[in-house]
PDB file of N, CA and C in Angstrom:
ATOM      1  N   UNK A   1     207.568  77.993-206.140  1.00  0.00           N
ATOM      2  CA  UNK A   1     208.356  77.548-205.245  1.00  0.00           C
ATOM      3  C   UNK A   1     209.666  77.792-205.598  1.00  0.00           C
ATOM      4  N   UNK A   2     210.520  78.316-204.916  1.00  0.00           N
ATOM      5  CA  UNK A   2     212.078  78.408-205.042  1.00  0.00           C
ATOM      6  C   UNK A   2     212.676  77.182-204.486  1.00  0.00           C
ATOM      7  N   UNK A   3     213.519  76.377-205.468  1.00  0.00           N
ATOM      8  CA  UNK A   3     214.475  75.512-205.129  1.00  0.00           C
ATOM      9  C   UNK A   3     215.771  75.984-205.375  1.00  0.00           C
ATOM     10  N   UNK A   4     216.559  75.858-204.000  1.00  0.00           N
ATOM     11  CA  UNK A   4     218.135  76.274-204.255  1.00  0.00           C
ATOM     12  C   UNK A   4     218.664  74.917-204.028  1.00  0.00           C
ATOM     13  N   UNK A   5     219.493  74.790-205.052  1.00  0.00           N
ATOM     14  CA  UNK A   5     220.712  73.724-205.273  1.00  0.00           C
ATOM     15  C   UNK A   5     221.972  74.162-204.783  1.00  0.00           C
ATOM     16  N   UNK A   6     222.534  73.867-203.538  1.00  0.00           N
ATOM     17  CA  UNK A   6     223.890  74.357-203.252  1.00  0.00           C
ATOM     18  C   UNK A   6     224.619  73.582-202.192  1.00  0.00           C
ATOM     19  N   UNK A   7     225.558  73.996-201.733  1.00  0.00           N
ATOM     20  CA  UNK A   7     226.558  73.396-201.055  1.00  0.00           C
ATOM     21  C   UNK A   7     227.125  74.398-200.056  1.00  0.00           C
ATOM     22  N   UNK A   8     227.893  74.068-199.072  1.00  0.00           N
ATOM     23  CA  UNK A   8     228.261  74.961-197.990  1.00  0.00           C
ATOM     24  C   UNK A   8     229.595  75.587-198.311  1.00  0.00           C
ATOM     25  N   UNK A   9     229.452  76.280-199.536  1.00  0.00           N
ATOM     26  CA  UNK A   9     230.759  77.192-199.969  1.00  0.00           C
ATOM     27  C   UNK A   9     230.295  78.743-199.748  1.00  0.00           C
ATOM     28  N   UNK A  10     231.208  79.328-199.864  1.00  0.00           N
ATOM     29  CA  UNK A  10     231.111  81.072-199.938  1.00  0.00           C
ATOM     30  C   UNK A  10     230.061  81.342-200.796  1.00  0.00           C
ATOM     31  N   UNK A  11     229.925  80.837-202.040  1.00  0.00           N
ATOM     32  CA  UNK A  11     229.150  81.311-203.078  1.00  0.00           C
ATOM     33  C   UNK A  11     227.992  80.224-203.031  1.00  0.00           C
ATOM     34  N   UNK A  12     227.837  79.321-202.205  1.00  0.00           N
ATOM     35  CA  UNK A  12     226.539  78.769-202.095  1.00  0.00           C
ATOM     36  C   UNK A  12     225.958  79.169-201.117  1.00  0.00           C
ATOM     37  N   UNK A  13     226.353  79.824-200.076  1.00  0.00           N
ATOM     38  CA  UNK A  13     225.743  80.660-199.053  1.00  0.00           C
ATOM     39  C   UNK A  13     225.130  81.933-199.266  1.00  0.00           C
ATOM     40  N   UNK A  14     225.753  82.415-200.449  1.00  0.00           N
ATOM     41  CA  UNK A  14     225.148  83.891-200.869  1.00  0.00           C
ATOM     42  C   UNK A  14     223.661  83.962-201.202  1.00  0.00           C
ATOM     43  N   UNK A  15     223.228  82.767-201.894  1.00  0.00           N
ATOM     44  CA  UNK A  15     221.728  83.036-202.196  1.00  0.00           C
ATOM     45  C   UNK A  15     220.962  82.643-200.944  1.00  0.00           C
ATOM     46  N   UNK A  16     221.548  81.868-200.027  1.00  0.00           N
ATOM     47  CA  UNK A  16     220.543  81.568-198.842  1.00  0.00           C
ATOM     48  C   UNK A  16     220.491  82.854-197.856  1.00  0.00           C
ATOM     49  N   UNK A  17     221.469  83.610-197.680  1.00  0.00           N
ATOM     50  CA  UNK A  17     221.449  84.885-197.137  1.00  0.00           C
ATOM     51  C   UNK A  17     220.495  85.796-197.582  1.00  0.00           C
ATOM     52  N   UNK A  18     220.281  85.886-199.044  1.00  0.00           N
ATOM     53  CA  UNK A  18     219.441  86.731-199.636  1.00  0.00           C
ATOM     54  C   UNK A  18     218.064  86.177-199.435  1.00  0.00           C
ATOM     55  N   UNK A  19     217.781  84.933-199.590  1.00  0.00           N
ATOM     56  CA  UNK A  19     216.596  84.437-199.155  1.00  0.00           C
ATOM     57  C   UNK A  19     215.870  84.660-197.900  1.00  0.00           C
ATOM     58  N   UNK A  20     216.910  84.610-197.026  1.00  0.00           N
ATOM     59  CA  UNK A  20     216.518  84.718-195.466  1.00  0.00           C
ATOM     60  C   UNK A  20     216.268  86.218-195.327  1.00  0.00           C
ATOM     61  N   UNK A  21     217.090  87.057-195.991  1.00  0.00           N
ATOM     62  CA  UNK A  21     216.621  88.534-195.617  1.00  0.00           C
ATOM     63  C   UNK A  21     215.558  88.883-196.205  1.00  0.00           C
ATOM     64  N   UNK A  22     215.174  88.491-197.290  1.00  0.00           N
ATOM     65  CA  UNK A  22     213.826  88.862-198.212  1.00  0.00           C
ATOM     66  C   UNK A  22     212.714  88.142-197.570  1.00  0.00           C
ATOM     67  N   UNK A  23     212.774  87.256-196.696  1.00  0.00           N
ATOM     68  CA  UNK A  23     211.927  86.346-196.135  1.00  0.00           C
ATOM     69  C   UNK A  23     211.149  85.577-197.096  1.00  0.00           C
ATOM     70  N   UNK A  24     211.620  85.164-198.171  1.00  0.00           N
ATOM     71  CA  UNK A  24     211.207  84.071-199.064  1.00  0.00           C
ATOM     72  C   UNK A  24     211.213  82.816-198.654  1.00  0.00           C
ATOM     73  N   UNK A  25     210.001  82.048-198.716  1.00  0.00           N
ATOM     74  CA  UNK A  25     210.261  80.612-198.633  1.00  0.00           C
ATOM     75  C   UNK A  25     210.858  79.805-199.630  1.00  0.00           C
ATOM     76  N   UNK A  26     211.851  78.836-199.492  1.00  0.00           N
ATOM     77  CA  UNK A  26     212.510  77.988-200.329  1.00  0.00           C
ATOM     78  C   UNK A  26     212.798  76.675-199.862  1.00  0.00           C
ATOM     79  N   UNK A  27     212.980  75.794-200.886  1.00  0.00           N
ATOM     80  CA  UNK A  27     213.373  74.312-200.465  1.00  0.00           C
ATOM     81  C   UNK A  27     214.814  74.371-200.644  1.00  0.00           C
ATOM     82  N   UNK A  28     215.630  74.010-199.765  1.00  0.00           N
ATOM     83  CA  UNK A  28     217.086  73.849-199.934  1.00  0.00           C
ATOM     84  C   UNK A  28     217.321  72.297-200.184  1.00  0.00           C
ATOM     85  N   UNK A  29     217.974  72.225-201.453  1.00  0.00           N
ATOM     86  CA  UNK A  29     218.382  70.818-202.104  1.00  0.00           C
ATOM     87  C   UNK A  29     220.095  70.764-201.969  1.00  0.00           C
ATOM     88  N   UNK A  30     220.580  69.943-201.070  1.00  0.00           N
ATOM     89  CA  UNK A  30     222.244  69.897-201.084  1.00  0.00           C
ATOM     90  C   UNK A  30     222.579  68.972-202.286  1.00  0.00           C
ATOM     91  N   UNK A  31     223.701  69.956-202.653  1.00  0.00           N
ATOM     92  CA  UNK A  31     224.389  69.182-203.895  1.00  0.00           C
ATOM     93  C   UNK A  31     225.746  68.780-203.160  1.00  0.00           C
ATOM     94  N   UNK A  32     226.004  67.857-202.969  1.00  0.00           N
ATOM     95  CA  UNK A  32     227.510  67.384-202.523  1.00  0.00           C
ATOM     96  C   UNK A  32     228.422  67.644-203.488  1.00  0.00           C
ATOM     97  N   UNK A  33     229.375  68.724-203.464  1.00  0.00           N
ATOM     98  CA  UNK A  33     230.232  68.659-204.765  1.00  0.00           C
ATOM     99  C   UNK A  33     231.520  67.792-204.634  1.00  0.00           C
ATOM    100  N   UNK A  34     231.644  67.335-203.396  1.00  0.00           N
ATOM    101  CA  UNK A  34     232.625  66.483-203.095  1.00  0.00           C
ATOM    102  C   UNK A  34     232.356  65.017-203.695  1.00  0.00           C
ATOM    103  N   UNK A  35     231.106  64.773-203.687  1.00  0.00           N
ATOM    104  CA  UNK A  35     230.809  63.436-204.396  1.00  0.00           C
ATOM    105  C   UNK A  35     230.369  63.615-205.878  1.00  0.00           C
ATOM    106  N   UNK A  36     230.600  64.698-206.477  1.00  0.00           N
ATOM    107  CA  UNK A  36     230.243  64.650-207.783  1.00  0.00           C
ATOM    108  C   UNK A  36     228.765  64.923-207.968  1.00  0.00           C
ATOM    109  N   UNK A  37     227.997  65.082-207.142  1.00  0.00           N
ATOM    110  CA  UNK A  37     226.484  65.444-207.200  1.00  0.00           C
ATOM    111  C   UNK A  37     226.270  66.484-208.277  1.00  0.00           C
ATOM    112  N   UNK A  38     227.253  67.385-208.275  1.00  0.00           N
ATOM    113  CA  UNK A  38     226.965  68.667-209.256  1.00  0.00           C
ATOM    114  C   UNK A  38     227.346  68.209-210.885  1.00  0.00           C
ATOM    115  N   UNK A  39     227.641  67.174-210.900  1.00  0.00           N
ATOM    116  CA  UNK A  39     227.792  66.551-212.342  1.00  0.00           C
ATOM    117  C   UNK A  39     226.786  65.563-212.942  1.00  0.00           C
ATOM    118  N   UNK A  40     225.972  65.335-212.180  1.00  0.00           N
ATOM    119  CA  UNK A  40     224.941  64.280-212.625  1.00  0.00           C
ATOM    120  C   UNK A  40     224.128  65.136-213.574  1.00  0.00           C
ATOM    121  N   UNK A  41     223.291  64.271-214.521  1.00  0.00           N
ATOM    122  CA  UNK A  41     222.410  64.920-215.589  1.00  0.00           C
ATOM    123  C   UNK A  41     221.375  65.779-214.983  1.00  0.00           C
ATOM    124  N   UNK A  42     220.863  65.196-213.941  1.00  0.00           N
ATOM    125  CA  UNK A  42     219.844  66.191-213.187  1.00  0.00           C
ATOM    126  C   UNK A  42     220.368  67.426-212.962  1.00  0.00           C
ATOM    127  N   UNK A  43     221.682  67.625-212.504  1.00  0.00           N
ATOM    128  CA  UNK A  43     222.100  69.011-211.887  1.00  0.00           C
ATOM    129  C   UNK A  43     222.491  69.708-213.181  1.00  0.00           C
ATOM    130  N   UNK A  44     222.995  69.032-214.173  1.00  0.00           N
ATOM    131  CA  UNK A  44     223.438  69.609-215.345  1.00  0.00           C
ATOM    132  C   UNK A  44     222.391  70.011-216.255  1.00  0.00           C
ATOM    133  N   UNK A  45     221.148  69.711-215.987  1.00  0.00           N
ATOM    134  CA  UNK A  45     220.014  70.351-216.678  1.00  0.00           C
ATOM    135  C   UNK A  45     219.922  71.675-216.126  1.00  0.00           C
ATOM    136  N   UNK A  46     219.906  71.773-214.816  1.00  0.00           N
ATOM    137  CA  UNK A  46     219.719  73.055-214.175  1.00  0.00           C
ATOM    138  C   UNK A  46     220.979  74.008-214.401  1.00  0.00           C
ATOM    139  N   UNK A  47     222.158  73.474-214.115  1.00  0.00           N
ATOM    140  CA  UNK A  47     223.145  74.267-214.105  1.00  0.00           C
ATOM    141  C   UNK A  47     224.265  73.611-215.226  1.00  0.00           C
ATOM    142  N   UNK A  48     224.427  74.018-216.514  1.00  0.00           N
ATOM    143  CA  UNK A  48     224.913  73.465-217.420  1.00  0.00           C
ATOM    144  C   UNK A  48     226.519  73.239-217.193  1.00  0.00           C
ATOM    145  N   UNK A  49     227.269  74.049-216.721  1.00  0.00           N
ATOM    146  CA  UNK A  49     228.619  73.888-216.135  1.00  0.00           C
ATOM    147  C   UNK A  49     228.784  73.157-214.756  1.00  0.00           C
ATOM    148  N   UNK A  50     227.786  72.841-214.131  1.00  0.00           N
ATOM    149  CA  UNK A  50     227.775  72.082-212.982  1.00  0.00           C
ATOM    150  C   UNK A  50     228.112  72.677-211.827  1.00  0.00           C
ATOM    151  N   UNK A  51     227.688  73.741-211.779  1.00  0.00           N
ATOM    152  CA  UNK A  51     228.147  74.827-210.623  1.00  0.00           C
ATOM    153  C   UNK A  51     227.057  74.739-209.609  1.00  0.00           C
ATOM    154  N   UNK A  52     227.509  75.109-208.530  1.00  0.00           N
ATOM    155  CA  UNK A  52     226.578  75.533-207.537  1.00  0.00           C
ATOM    156  C   UNK A  52     226.721  77.032-207.039  1.00  0.00           C
ATOM    157  N   UNK A  53     225.861  77.678-206.465  1.00  0.00           N
ATOM    158  CA  UNK A  53     224.344  77.281-206.390  1.00  0.00           C
ATOM    159  C   UNK A  53     223.671  77.666-207.799  1.00  0.00           C
ATOM    160  N   UNK A  54     222.605  76.873-207.702  1.00  0.00           N
ATOM    161  CA  UNK A  54     221.607  76.940-208.888  1.00  0.00           C
ATOM    162  C   UNK A  54     220.246  76.941-208.283  1.00  0.00           C
ATOM    163  N   UNK A  55     219.397  77.630-209.166  1.00  0.00           N
ATOM    164  CA  UNK A  55     218.215  77.909-208.521  1.00  0.00           C
ATOM    165  C   UNK A  55     216.949  77.744-209.489  1.00  0.00           C
ATOM    166  N   UNK A  56     215.917  77.083-209.013  1.00  0.00           N
ATOM    167  CA  UNK A  56     214.538  76.746-209.943  1.00  0.00           C
ATOM    168  C   UNK A  56     213.394  77.447-209.313  1.00  0.00           C
ATOM    169  N   UNK A  57     212.807  78.260-210.107  1.00  0.00           N
ATOM    170  CA  UNK A  57     211.636  78.970-209.681  1.00  0.00           C
ATOM    171  C   UNK A  57     210.493  78.525-210.618  1.00  0.00           C
ATOM    172  N   UNK A  58     209.568  77.618-209.844  1.00  0.00           N
ATOM    173  CA  UNK A  58     208.549  77.127-210.544  1.00  0.00           C
ATOM    174  C   UNK A  58     207.376  77.981-210.348  1.00  0.00           C
ATOM    175  N   UNK A  59     207.451  79.342-209.753  1.00  0.00           N
ATOM    176  CA  UNK A  59     206.294  80.299-209.547  1.00  0.00           C
ATOM    177  C   UNK A  59     206.770  81.605-210.159  1.00  0.00           C
ATOM    178  N   UNK A  60     207.374  81.615-211.439  1.00  0.00           N
ATOM    179  CA  UNK A  60     207.643  82.712-212.127  1.00  0.00           C
ATOM    180  C   UNK A  60     206.694  83.076-212.982  1.00  0.00           C
ATOM    181  N   UNK A  61     205.555  83.631-212.775  1.00  0.00           N
ATOM    182  CA  UNK A  61     204.448  83.989-213.731  1.00  0.00           C
ATOM    183  C   UNK A  61     204.029  82.948-214.573  1.00  0.00           C
ATOM    184  N   UNK A  62     203.888  81.724-214.100  1.00  0.00           N
ATOM    185  CA  UNK A  62     203.380  80.320-214.817  1.00  0.00           C
ATOM    186  C   UNK A  62     204.657  79.638-215.807  1.00  0.00           C
ATOM    187  N   UNK A  63     205.679  80.288-215.453  1.00  0.00           N
ATOM    188  CA  UNK A  63     206.975  79.701-216.281  1.00  0.00           C
ATOM    189  C   UNK A  63     207.945  79.142-215.152  1.00  0.00           C
ATOM    190  N   UNK A  64     208.742  78.219-215.695  1.00  0.00           N
ATOM    191  CA  UNK A  64     209.747  77.552-214.982  1.00  0.00           C
ATOM    192  C   UNK A  64     210.928  78.366-215.130  1.00  0.00           C
ATOM    193  N   UNK A  65     211.761  78.985-214.161  1.00  0.00           N
ATOM    194  CA  UNK A  65     212.790  79.707-214.445  1.00  0.00           C
ATOM    195  C   UNK A  65     214.048  78.980-213.622  1.00  0.00           C
ATOM    196  N   UNK A  66     215.408  78.780-214.316  1.00  0.00           N
ATOM    197  CA  UNK A  66     216.412  78.223-213.699  1.00  0.00           C
ATOM    198  C   UNK A  66     217.541  78.975-214.124  1.00  0.00           C
ATOM    199  N   UNK A  67     218.572  79.152-213.152  1.00  0.00           N
ATOM    200  CA  UNK A  67     219.674  79.833-213.147  1.00  0.00           C
ATOM    201  C   UNK A  67     220.719  79.607-212.208  1.00  0.00           C
ATOM    202  N   UNK A  68     222.052  79.673-212.644  1.00  0.00           N
ATOM    203  CA  UNK A  68     223.087  79.658-211.875  1.00  0.00           C
ATOM    204  C   UNK A  68     223.906  80.928-211.789  1.00  0.00           C
ATOM    205  N   UNK A  69     224.994  80.751-210.694  1.00  0.00           N
ATOM    206  CA  UNK A  69     225.833  81.769-210.515  1.00  0.00           C
ATOM    207  C   UNK A  69     225.308  82.581-209.300  1.00  0.00           C
ATOM    208  N   UNK A  70     226.000  82.782-208.236  1.00  0.00           N
ATOM    209  CA  UNK A  70     225.258  83.157-207.030  1.00  0.00           C
ATOM    210  C   UNK A  70     224.794  84.695-207.161  1.00  0.00           C
ATOM    211  N   UNK A  71     225.519  85.596-207.899  1.00  0.00           N
ATOM    212  CA  UNK A  71     225.278  86.827-207.849  1.00  0.00           C
ATOM    213  C   UNK A  71     224.055  87.142-208.807  1.00  0.00           C
ATOM    214  N   UNK A  72     224.089  86.276-209.945  1.00  0.00           N
ATOM    215  CA  UNK A  72     222.809  86.255-210.662  1.00  0.00           C
ATOM    216  C   UNK A  72     221.644  85.872-209.952  1.00  0.00           C
ATOM    217  N   UNK A  73     221.704  84.963-209.154  1.00  0.00           N
ATOM    218  CA  UNK A  73     220.711  84.379-208.218  1.00  0.00           C
ATOM    219  C   UNK A  73     220.030  85.621-207.676  1.00  0.00           C
ATOM    220  N   UNK A  74     221.141  86.264-206.728  1.00  0.00           N
ATOM    221  CA  UNK A  74     220.795  87.334-205.674  1.00  0.00           C
ATOM    222  C   UNK A  74     220.027  88.479-206.345  1.00  0.00           C
ATOM    223  N   UNK A  75     220.580  88.623-207.744  1.00  0.00           N
ATOM    224  CA  UNK A  75     219.987  89.867-208.466  1.00  0.00           C
ATOM    225  C   UNK A  75     218.416  89.361-209.026  1.00  0.00           C
ATOM    226  N   UNK A  76     218.185  88.304-209.498  1.00  0.00           N
ATOM    227  CA  UNK A  76     217.149  87.777-209.679  1.00  0.00           C
ATOM    228  C   UNK A  76     215.982  87.694-208.502  1.00  0.00           C
ATOM    229  N   UNK A  77     216.279  87.233-207.423  1.00  0.00           N
ATOM    230  CA  UNK A  77     215.662  87.431-206.400  1.00  0.00           C
ATOM    231  C   UNK A  77     215.156  88.933-205.907  1.00  0.00           C
ATOM    232  N   UNK A  78     216.124  89.752-205.942  1.00  0.00           N
ATOM    233  CA  UNK A  78     216.022  90.968-205.724  1.00  0.00           C
ATOM    234  C   UNK A  78     214.836  91.733-206.653  1.00  0.00           C
ATOM    235  N   UNK A  79     215.038  91.489-208.087  1.00  0.00           N
ATOM    236  CA  UNK A  79     214.206  91.845-208.923  1.00  0.00           C
ATOM    237  C   UNK A  79     212.956  91.302-208.579  1.00  0.00           C
ATOM    238  N   UNK A  80     212.826  90.166-208.622  1.00  0.00           N
ATOM    239  CA  UNK A  80     211.582  89.220-208.563  1.00  0.00           C
ATOM    240  C   UNK A  80     210.733  89.911-206.959  1.00  0.00           C
ATOM    241  N   UNK A  81     211.367  90.358-206.023  1.00  0.00           N
ATOM    242  CA  UNK A  81     210.690  90.426-204.913  1.00  0.00           C
ATOM    243  C   UNK A  81     210.599  92.069-204.641  1.00  0.00           C
ATOM    244  N   UNK A  82     211.379  92.906-205.429  1.00  0.00           N
ATOM    245  CA  UNK A  82     211.336  94.362-205.135  1.00  0.00           C
ATOM    246  C   UNK A  82     212.171  94.885-204.000  1.00  0.00           C
ATOM    247  N   UNK A  83     212.885  93.580-203.301  1.00  0.00           N
ATOM    248  CA  UNK A  83     213.554  94.077-202.110  1.00  0.00           C
ATOM    249  C   UNK A  83     215.116  94.215-202.406  1.00  0.00           C
ATOM    250  N   UNK A  84     215.684  94.934-201.514  1.00  0.00           N
ATOM    251  CA  UNK A  84     217.049  95.214-201.433  1.00  0.00           C
ATOM    252  C   UNK A  84     217.788  95.520-202.657  1.00  0.00           C
ATOM    253  N   UNK A  85     217.042  96.024-203.719  1.00  0.00           N
ATOM    254  CA  UNK A  85     217.490  96.527-204.851  1.00  0.00           C
ATOM    255  C   UNK A  85     216.746  97.853-205.124  1.00  0.00           C
ATOM    256  N   UNK A  86     217.418  99.008-205.036  1.00  0.00           N
ATOM    257  CA  UNK A  86     216.521 100.122-204.937  1.00  0.00           C
ATOM    258  C   UNK A  86     216.036 100.492-206.220  1.00  0.00           C
ATOM    259  N   UNK A  87     215.233 101.405-206.432  1.00  0.00           N
ATOM    260  CA  UNK A  87     214.593 101.661-207.739  1.00  0.00           C
ATOM    261  C   UNK A  87     215.498 102.767-208.304  1.00  0.00           C
ATOM    262  N   UNK A  88     215.784 103.849-207.427  1.00  0.00           N
ATOM    263  CA  UNK A  88     216.597 104.984-208.049  1.00  0.00           C
ATOM    264  C   UNK A  88     217.875 104.634-208.501  1.00  0.00           C
ATOM    265  N   UNK A  89     218.024 104.921-209.737  1.00  0.00           N
ATOM    266  CA  UNK A  89     219.490 104.525-210.307  1.00  0.00           C
ATOM    267  C   UNK A  89     220.514 104.625-209.722  1.00  0.00           C
ATOM    268  N   UNK A  90     220.855 105.714-208.899  1.00  0.00           N
ATOM    269  CA  UNK A  90     222.082 105.996-208.148  1.00  0.00           C
ATOM    270  C   UNK A  90     222.391 104.987-207.193  1.00  0.00           C
ATOM    271  N   UNK A  91     221.114 104.776-206.158  1.00  0.00           N
ATOM    272  CA  UNK A  91     221.245 103.860-205.196  1.00  0.00           C
ATOM    273  C   UNK A  91     221.374 102.536-205.827  1.00  0.00           C
ATOM    274  N   UNK A  92     220.791 102.346-206.898  1.00  0.00           N
ATOM    275  CA  UNK A  92     220.874 100.888-207.602  1.00  0.00           C
ATOM    276  C   UNK A  92     222.371 100.612-208.143  1.00  0.00           C
ATOM    277  N   UNK A  93     222.971 101.484-208.739  1.00  0.00           N
ATOM    278  CA  UNK A  93     224.314 101.315-208.989  1.00  0.00           C
ATOM    279  C   UNK A  93     225.392 101.118-207.859  1.00  0.00           C
ATOM    280  N   UNK A  94     225.078 101.736-206.850  1.00  0.00           N
ATOM    281  CA  UNK A  94     225.804 101.595-205.564  1.00  0.00           C
ATOM    282  C   UNK A  94     225.645 100.408-205.006  1.00  0.00           C
ATOM    283  N   UNK A  95     224.429  99.949-204.892  1.00  0.00           N
ATOM    284  CA  UNK A  95     224.225  98.506-204.425  1.00  0.00           C
ATOM    285  C   UNK A  95     225.020  97.277-205.455  1.00  0.00           C
ATOM    286  N   UNK A  96     224.796  97.670-206.857  1.00  0.00           N
ATOM    287  CA  UNK A  96     225.605  96.704-207.832  1.00  0.00           C
ATOM    288  C   UNK A  96     227.049  96.788-207.342  1.00  0.00           C
ATOM    289  N   UNK A  97     227.535  98.056-206.948  1.00  0.00           N
ATOM    290  CA  UNK A  97     229.188  98.216-206.934  1.00  0.00           C
ATOM    291  C   UNK A  97     229.424  97.436-205.658  1.00  0.00           C
ATOM    292  N   UNK A  98     228.565  97.373-204.578  1.00  0.00           N
ATOM    293  CA  UNK A  98     229.152  96.649-203.267  1.00  0.00           C
ATOM    294  C   UNK A  98     228.715  95.168-203.360  1.00  0.00           C
ATOM    295  N   UNK A  99     227.814  94.790-204.264  1.00  0.00           N
ATOM    296  CA  UNK A  99     227.574  93.485-204.459  1.00  0.00           C
ATOM    297  C   UNK A  99     229.066  92.891-205.527  1.00  0.00           C
ATOM    298  N   UNK A 100     229.283  93.479-206.328  1.00  0.00           N
ATOM    299  CA  UNK A 100     230.445  93.199-207.304  1.00  0.00           C
ATOM    300  C   UNK A 100     231.730  93.296-206.437  1.00  0.00           C
ATOM    301  N   UNK A 101     231.722  94.179-205.524  1.00  0.00           N
ATOM    302  CA  UNK A 101     233.063  94.075-204.592  1.00  0.00           C
ATOM    303  C   UNK A 101     233.021  92.756-203.707  1.00  0.00           C
ATOM    304  N   UNK A 102     232.076  92.672-203.086  1.00  0.00           N
ATOM    305  CA  UNK A 102     231.889  91.201-202.310  1.00  0.00           C
ATOM    306  C   UNK A 102     232.220  90.223-203.124  1.00  0.00           C
ATOM    307  N   UNK A 103     231.751  90.241-204.435  1.00  0.00           N
ATOM    308  CA  UNK A 103     231.758  89.009-205.201  1.00  0.00           C
ATOM    309  C   UNK A 103     233.164  88.772-205.634  1.00  0.00           C
ATOM    310  N   UNK A 104     233.919  89.812-206.128  1.00  0.00           N
ATOM    311  CA  UNK A 104     235.336  89.865-206.651  1.00  0.00           C
ATOM    312  C   UNK A 104     236.355  90.096-205.730  1.00  0.00           C
ATOM    313  N   UNK A 105     236.079  90.868-204.702  1.00  0.00           N
ATOM    314  CA  UNK A 105     237.060  91.278-203.785  1.00  0.00           C
ATOM    315  C   UNK A 105     237.200  90.566-202.420  1.00  0.00           C
ATOM    316  N   UNK A 106     236.134  91.023-201.448  1.00  0.00           N
ATOM    317  CA  UNK A 106     235.960  90.364-200.071  1.00  0.00           C
ATOM    318  C   UNK A 106     235.731  88.957-200.064  1.00  0.00           C
ATOM    319  N   UNK A 107     234.971  88.535-200.924  1.00  0.00           N
ATOM    320  CA  UNK A 107     234.466  86.896-200.939  1.00  0.00           C
ATOM    321  C   UNK A 107     235.674  86.211-201.187  1.00  0.00           C
ATOM    322  N   UNK A 108     236.468  86.328-202.311  1.00  0.00           N
ATOM    323  CA  UNK A 108     237.492  85.550-202.575  1.00  0.00           C
ATOM    324  C   UNK A 108     238.641  85.559-201.372  1.00  0.00           C
ATOM    325  N   UNK A 109     238.735  86.825-200.668  1.00  0.00           N
ATOM    326  CA  UNK A 109     239.694  86.928-199.557  1.00  0.00           C
ATOM    327  C   UNK A 109     239.480  86.017-198.685  1.00  0.00           C
ATOM    328  N   UNK A 110     238.310  85.700-198.338  1.00  0.00           N
ATOM    329  CA  UNK A 110     237.683  84.812-197.181  1.00  0.00           C
ATOM    330  C   UNK A 110     237.648  83.355-197.778  1.00  0.00           C
ATOM    331  N   UNK A 111     237.353  83.151-198.896  1.00  0.00           N
ATOM    332  CA  UNK A 111     237.127  81.925-199.474  1.00  0.00           C
ATOM    333  C   UNK A 111     238.503  80.999-199.556  1.00  0.00           C
TER     334      UNK A 111
END
């Protein structure tokens, strides 16, 4: 089961979009960053810097995987499912370029 700990920010929405696009079921866990819910010991155990989004995958080949940073989560989900990340190296790199552009360029302009 995928658990996504997030809030309604630009970065917080990125993994939701990915999960919806790949059709993967998930549980959404709201983390109200305005109230400090991202600084609780429970959340810090998942995301050591208190950031959102964070993801916990309890169905990762018998292991529990947790990670933070929206782009890392998107890449993880693509690798896990084999969706939206091409196998061909040139296409893969082009995909990474556009993802990084959105993360470092377009996303901040909107945010």
